């Protein structure tokens, strides 16, 4: 595995969720430029895994070479105590999968790993 990009996030007292998104290098370029966008498929479209292995399984999407994007997402809570950025994870296989509540800005990318 080759790390294509690593970004050092500013250290804060806020905790973060480390989540992974498998895709192609072609799509990763767009995500790096625009962030990870919610799809118009309802609120429960799972796009992020809590472990590298599950994201890697979904990284071969047809166009380009497979990569896994690593996100460090602030654990910012809304007025109801839920994470502002992602819905609570759902157990699937060995880990949990998360769907987006809000688009993730590219500043949350902490690494892009080629496979």
N, C-alpha and C. Protein backbone atom coordinates (compact mmCIF):
# COMPACT_ATOMS: atom_id res chain seq x y z
N UNK A 1 0.85 -1.17 0.00
CA UNK A 1 0.00 0.00 0.00
C UNK A 1 0.89 1.23 0.00
N UNK A 2 0.58 2.16 -0.83
CA UNK A 2 1.33 3.42 -0.92
C UNK A 2 0.41 4.55 -0.46
N UNK A 3 0.91 5.40 0.41
CA UNK A 3 0.13 6.55 0.86
C UNK A 3 0.35 7.67 -0.13
N UNK A 4 -0.73 8.12 -0.75
CA UNK A 4 -0.65 9.18 -1.74
C UNK A 4 -0.62 10.56 -1.10
N UNK A 5 -1.33 10.69 0.02
CA UNK A 5 -1.44 12.00 0.65
C UNK A 5 -1.66 11.81 2.14
N UNK A 6 -1.02 12.61 2.95
CA UNK A 6 -1.30 12.65 4.38
C UNK A 6 -1.36 14.11 4.78
N UNK A 7 -2.40 14.47 5.49
CA UNK A 7 -2.58 15.83 5.96
C UNK A 7 -2.53 15.83 7.47
N UNK A 8 -1.74 16.70 8.05
CA UNK A 8 -1.72 16.83 9.51
C UNK A 8 -2.83 17.78 9.92
N UNK A 9 -3.75 17.27 10.71
CA UNK A 9 -4.84 18.11 11.19
C UNK A 9 -4.37 18.92 12.39
N UNK A 10 -4.93 20.09 12.55
CA UNK A 10 -4.62 20.89 13.73
C UNK A 10 -5.10 20.15 14.96
N UNK A 11 -4.27 20.11 15.98
CA UNK A 11 -4.64 19.45 17.22
C UNK A 11 -5.65 20.31 17.97
N UNK A 12 -6.76 19.68 18.34
CA UNK A 12 -7.77 20.36 19.15
C UNK A 12 -8.18 19.43 20.26
N UNK A 13 -8.95 19.95 21.21
CA UNK A 13 -9.44 19.11 22.29
C UNK A 13 -10.65 18.29 21.85
N UNK A 14 -11.19 18.58 20.67
CA UNK A 14 -12.36 17.88 20.17
C UNK A 14 -11.95 16.49 19.67
N UNK A 15 -12.73 15.48 20.02
CA UNK A 15 -12.42 14.14 19.54
C UNK A 15 -12.84 14.00 18.07
N UNK A 16 -12.26 13.04 17.40
CA UNK A 16 -12.55 12.82 15.99
C UNK A 16 -12.91 11.35 15.75
N UNK A 17 -13.68 11.12 14.69
CA UNK A 17 -13.96 9.78 14.20
C UNK A 17 -13.05 9.53 13.02
N UNK A 18 -12.37 8.40 12.99
CA UNK A 18 -11.57 8.02 11.84
C UNK A 18 -12.40 7.04 11.03
N UNK A 19 -12.78 7.44 9.82
CA UNK A 19 -13.61 6.62 8.95
C UNK A 19 -12.98 6.56 7.56
N UNK A 20 -13.34 5.51 6.80
CA UNK A 20 -12.69 5.22 5.53
C UNK A 20 -13.72 5.08 4.41
N UNK A 21 -13.32 5.54 3.22
CA UNK A 21 -14.18 5.47 2.04
C UNK A 21 -13.39 4.86 0.89
N UNK A 22 -13.85 3.71 0.38
CA UNK A 22 -13.21 3.07 -0.75
C UNK A 22 -13.75 3.61 -2.06
N UNK A 23 -12.84 3.90 -2.99
CA UNK A 23 -13.24 4.45 -4.29
C UNK A 23 -12.10 4.24 -5.28
N UNK A 24 -12.12 4.97 -6.38
CA UNK A 24 -11.03 4.90 -7.35
C UNK A 24 -10.18 6.17 -7.24
N UNK A 25 -8.99 6.14 -7.82
CA UNK A 25 -8.15 7.34 -7.81
C UNK A 25 -8.80 8.46 -8.61
N UNK A 26 -9.58 8.12 -9.63
CA UNK A 26 -10.28 9.14 -10.43
C UNK A 26 -11.31 9.85 -9.54
N UNK A 27 -12.11 9.08 -8.83
CA UNK A 27 -13.10 9.68 -7.93
C UNK A 27 -12.44 10.40 -6.75
N UNK A 28 -11.31 9.87 -6.29
CA UNK A 28 -10.61 10.48 -5.16
C UNK A 28 -10.15 11.90 -5.49
N UNK A 29 -9.75 12.13 -6.74
CA UNK A 29 -9.35 13.48 -7.15
C UNK A 29 -10.51 14.46 -7.00
N UNK A 30 -11.70 14.03 -7.39
CA UNK A 30 -12.87 14.89 -7.26
C UNK A 30 -13.23 15.10 -5.79
N UNK A 31 -13.15 14.04 -4.99
CA UNK A 31 -13.45 14.15 -3.56
C UNK A 31 -12.44 15.06 -2.88
N UNK A 32 -11.18 14.96 -3.28
CA UNK A 32 -10.15 15.82 -2.71
C UNK A 32 -10.42 17.29 -3.04
N UNK A 33 -10.95 17.55 -4.21
CA UNK A 33 -11.23 18.92 -4.63
C UNK A 33 -12.53 19.46 -4.03
N UNK A 34 -13.57 18.61 -3.96
CA UNK A 34 -14.91 19.08 -3.60
C UNK A 34 -15.44 18.54 -2.27
N UNK A 35 -14.76 17.57 -1.68
CA UNK A 35 -15.26 16.91 -0.48
C UNK A 35 -16.14 15.73 -0.85
N UNK A 36 -16.56 14.96 0.15
CA UNK A 36 -17.43 13.81 -0.07
C UNK A 36 -18.87 14.27 0.05
N UNK A 37 -19.63 14.10 -1.02
CA UNK A 37 -20.99 14.62 -1.11
C UNK A 37 -22.02 13.55 -0.74
N UNK A 38 -23.09 14.00 -0.09
CA UNK A 38 -24.21 13.10 0.18
C UNK A 38 -24.89 12.76 -1.14
N UNK A 39 -25.43 11.59 -1.21
CA UNK A 39 -26.19 11.18 -2.39
C UNK A 39 -27.66 11.45 -2.14
N UNK A 40 -28.40 11.57 -3.18
CA UNK A 40 -29.84 11.81 -3.06
C UNK A 40 -30.60 10.50 -2.98
N UNK A 41 -30.11 9.60 -2.16
CA UNK A 41 -30.73 8.28 -2.03
C UNK A 41 -31.30 8.07 -0.63
N UNK A 42 -31.59 9.13 0.07
CA UNK A 42 -32.10 9.01 1.43
C UNK A 42 -30.99 9.15 2.45
N UNK A 43 -31.37 9.27 3.68
CA UNK A 43 -30.41 9.55 4.74
C UNK A 43 -29.56 8.35 5.12
N UNK A 44 -29.95 7.16 4.74
CA UNK A 44 -29.23 5.96 5.18
C UNK A 44 -28.43 5.30 4.06
N UNK A 45 -27.73 6.08 3.27
CA UNK A 45 -26.86 5.55 2.24
C UNK A 45 -25.46 5.44 2.84
N UNK A 46 -25.01 4.20 3.10
CA UNK A 46 -23.76 3.98 3.81
C UNK A 46 -22.57 4.17 2.89
N UNK A 47 -21.68 5.05 3.27
CA UNK A 47 -20.53 5.36 2.42
C UNK A 47 -19.20 5.29 3.16
N UNK A 48 -19.21 5.20 4.47
CA UNK A 48 -17.98 5.23 5.25
C UNK A 48 -17.92 4.04 6.21
N UNK A 49 -16.77 3.39 6.25
CA UNK A 49 -16.56 2.26 7.15
C UNK A 49 -15.66 2.69 8.30
N UNK A 50 -15.78 1.98 9.42
CA UNK A 50 -14.92 2.30 10.56
C UNK A 50 -13.60 1.54 10.51
N UNK A 51 -13.39 0.75 9.44
CA UNK A 51 -12.13 0.03 9.33
C UNK A 51 -11.67 0.01 7.87
N UNK A 52 -10.38 -0.04 7.71
CA UNK A 52 -9.75 0.02 6.39
C UNK A 52 -10.14 -1.17 5.53
N UNK A 53 -10.21 -2.36 6.13
CA UNK A 53 -10.49 -3.59 5.39
C UNK A 53 -11.83 -3.52 4.65
N UNK A 54 -12.88 -3.08 5.33
CA UNK A 54 -14.19 -2.99 4.69
C UNK A 54 -14.19 -1.96 3.56
N UNK A 55 -13.56 -0.82 3.79
CA UNK A 55 -13.50 0.21 2.75
C UNK A 55 -12.70 -0.30 1.55
N UNK A 56 -11.64 -1.03 1.82
CA UNK A 56 -10.81 -1.59 0.74
C UNK A 56 -11.64 -2.51 -0.14
N UNK A 57 -12.52 -3.32 0.46
CA UNK A 57 -13.37 -4.23 -0.30
C UNK A 57 -14.22 -3.48 -1.31
N UNK A 58 -14.65 -2.27 -0.98
CA UNK A 58 -15.51 -1.49 -1.84
C UNK A 58 -14.75 -0.48 -2.71
N UNK A 59 -13.43 -0.58 -2.75
CA UNK A 59 -12.64 0.42 -3.47
C UNK A 59 -12.51 0.14 -4.96
N UNK A 60 -12.83 -1.02 -5.41
CA UNK A 60 -12.70 -1.35 -6.83
C UNK A 60 -14.01 -1.01 -7.54
N UNK A 61 -14.13 0.23 -7.97
CA UNK A 61 -15.39 0.72 -8.51
C UNK A 61 -15.40 0.85 -10.03
N UNK A 62 -14.41 0.31 -10.69
CA UNK A 62 -14.47 0.26 -12.15
C UNK A 62 -13.58 1.23 -12.90
N UNK A 63 -13.63 2.52 -12.57
CA UNK A 63 -12.83 3.48 -13.35
C UNK A 63 -11.62 3.92 -12.53
N UNK A 64 -10.45 3.61 -13.02
CA UNK A 64 -9.23 4.01 -12.32
C UNK A 64 -8.73 2.92 -11.39
N UNK A 65 -7.77 3.28 -10.57
CA UNK A 65 -7.14 2.36 -9.62
C UNK A 65 -7.79 2.50 -8.25
N UNK A 66 -7.88 1.39 -7.50
CA UNK A 66 -8.53 1.46 -6.19
C UNK A 66 -7.71 2.24 -5.16
N UNK A 67 -8.41 3.02 -4.36
CA UNK A 67 -7.81 3.76 -3.25
C UNK A 67 -8.79 3.74 -2.08
N UNK A 68 -8.26 4.02 -0.90
CA UNK A 68 -9.09 4.23 0.28
C UNK A 68 -8.75 5.61 0.83
N UNK A 69 -9.79 6.41 1.01
CA UNK A 69 -9.62 7.75 1.58
C UNK A 69 -9.90 7.66 3.07
N UNK A 70 -8.99 8.19 3.85
CA UNK A 70 -9.13 8.23 5.31
C UNK A 70 -9.60 9.62 5.73
N UNK A 71 -10.66 9.65 6.52
CA UNK A 71 -11.22 10.91 7.01
C UNK A 71 -11.07 10.99 8.53
N UNK A 72 -10.74 12.16 9.01
CA UNK A 72 -10.78 12.48 10.44
C UNK A 72 -11.93 13.47 10.60
N UNK A 73 -13.04 12.99 11.15
CA UNK A 73 -14.27 13.77 11.22
C UNK A 73 -14.49 14.24 12.65
N UNK A 74 -14.60 15.54 12.87
CA UNK A 74 -14.84 16.03 14.23
C UNK A 74 -16.12 15.42 14.81
N UNK A 75 -16.04 15.05 16.07
CA UNK A 75 -17.22 14.48 16.74
C UNK A 75 -18.06 15.61 17.33
N UNK A 76 -18.45 16.52 16.46
CA UNK A 76 -19.28 17.67 16.83
C UNK A 76 -20.72 17.20 16.97
N UNK A 77 -21.35 17.53 18.09
CA UNK A 77 -22.72 17.07 18.35
C UNK A 77 -23.74 18.16 17.99
N UNK A 78 -24.91 17.71 17.51
CA UNK A 78 -26.00 18.64 17.27
C UNK A 78 -26.80 18.81 18.57
N UNK A 79 -27.91 19.53 18.48
CA UNK A 79 -28.71 19.81 19.69
C UNK A 79 -29.35 18.56 20.29
N UNK A 80 -29.36 17.44 19.54
CA UNK A 80 -29.94 16.19 20.03
C UNK A 80 -28.87 15.18 20.47
N UNK A 81 -27.62 15.58 20.40
CA UNK A 81 -26.53 14.72 20.82
C UNK A 81 -25.97 13.80 19.75
N UNK A 82 -26.40 13.98 18.49
CA UNK A 82 -25.89 13.18 17.39
C UNK A 82 -24.73 13.88 16.72
N UNK A 83 -23.84 13.10 16.11
CA UNK A 83 -22.75 13.69 15.35
C UNK A 83 -23.33 14.53 14.22
N UNK A 84 -22.77 15.72 14.04
CA UNK A 84 -23.26 16.66 13.01
C UNK A 84 -23.03 16.13 11.60
N UNK A 85 -21.99 15.34 11.38
CA UNK A 85 -21.55 14.97 10.04
C UNK A 85 -22.05 13.61 9.57
N UNK A 86 -22.14 12.63 10.47
CA UNK A 86 -22.55 11.27 10.09
C UNK A 86 -23.61 10.74 11.04
N UNK A 87 -24.47 9.88 10.49
CA UNK A 87 -25.45 9.18 11.32
C UNK A 87 -24.73 8.11 12.13
N UNK A 88 -25.33 7.67 13.23
CA UNK A 88 -24.75 6.58 14.01
C UNK A 88 -24.52 5.38 13.11
N UNK A 89 -23.43 4.66 13.36
CA UNK A 89 -23.06 3.52 12.53
C UNK A 89 -24.00 2.34 12.69
N UNK A 90 -24.08 1.54 11.64
CA UNK A 90 -24.85 0.30 11.63
C UNK A 90 -23.88 -0.86 11.48
N UNK A 91 -24.03 -1.88 12.31
CA UNK A 91 -23.16 -3.05 12.27
C UNK A 91 -23.37 -3.79 10.96
N UNK A 92 -22.28 -4.10 10.29
CA UNK A 92 -22.32 -4.87 9.05
C UNK A 92 -21.01 -5.63 8.92
N UNK A 93 -21.07 -6.93 8.99
CA UNK A 93 -19.85 -7.72 8.92
C UNK A 93 -18.99 -7.51 10.15
N UNK A 94 -17.73 -7.19 9.91
CA UNK A 94 -16.78 -7.02 11.01
C UNK A 94 -16.80 -5.64 11.65
N UNK A 95 -17.43 -4.69 11.00
CA UNK A 95 -17.37 -3.33 11.51
C UNK A 95 -18.68 -2.61 11.40
N UNK A 96 -18.59 -1.29 11.40
CA UNK A 96 -19.76 -0.42 11.29
C UNK A 96 -19.65 0.42 10.04
N UNK A 97 -20.81 0.72 9.45
CA UNK A 97 -20.91 1.59 8.28
C UNK A 97 -21.69 2.83 8.66
N UNK A 98 -21.27 3.95 8.10
CA UNK A 98 -21.86 5.25 8.43
C UNK A 98 -22.36 5.93 7.16
N UNK A 99 -23.45 6.66 7.30
CA UNK A 99 -23.95 7.47 6.19
C UNK A 99 -23.80 8.94 6.55
N UNK A 100 -23.72 9.75 5.53
CA UNK A 100 -23.49 11.18 5.74
C UNK A 100 -24.77 11.91 6.13
N UNK A 101 -24.66 12.78 7.11
CA UNK A 101 -25.73 13.74 7.40
C UNK A 101 -25.48 15.03 6.64
N UNK A 102 -24.21 15.38 6.51
CA UNK A 102 -23.78 16.60 5.81
C UNK A 102 -22.62 16.22 4.89
N UNK A 103 -22.43 17.00 3.83
CA UNK A 103 -21.25 16.81 2.98
C UNK A 103 -20.00 16.98 3.83
N UNK A 104 -19.00 16.13 3.57
CA UNK A 104 -17.73 16.25 4.30
C UNK A 104 -16.77 17.12 3.50
N UNK A 105 -16.28 18.19 4.09
CA UNK A 105 -15.30 19.03 3.37
C UNK A 105 -13.98 18.29 3.18
N UNK A 106 -13.27 18.65 2.15
CA UNK A 106 -12.00 17.98 1.85
C UNK A 106 -10.97 18.18 2.96
N UNK A 107 -11.15 19.20 3.80
CA UNK A 107 -10.22 19.42 4.91
C UNK A 107 -10.22 18.25 5.89
N UNK A 108 -11.25 17.40 5.87
CA UNK A 108 -11.32 16.25 6.76
C UNK A 108 -10.51 15.07 6.24
N UNK A 109 -10.01 15.14 5.02
CA UNK A 109 -9.20 14.04 4.48
C UNK A 109 -7.85 14.04 5.18
N UNK A 110 -7.50 12.89 5.78
CA UNK A 110 -6.21 12.79 6.43
C UNK A 110 -5.24 11.90 5.67
N UNK A 111 -5.74 11.16 4.69
CA UNK A 111 -4.87 10.33 3.87
C UNK A 111 -5.62 9.73 2.70
N UNK A 112 -4.89 9.49 1.61
CA UNK A 112 -5.42 8.77 0.46
C UNK A 112 -4.43 7.64 0.20
N UNK A 113 -4.90 6.41 0.33
CA UNK A 113 -4.05 5.24 0.26
C UNK A 113 -4.31 4.47 -1.03
N UNK A 114 -3.29 4.32 -1.87
CA UNK A 114 -3.45 3.52 -3.08
C UNK A 114 -3.28 2.05 -2.69
N UNK A 115 -3.94 1.19 -3.42
CA UNK A 115 -3.91 -0.25 -3.09
C UNK A 115 -3.18 -1.04 -4.16
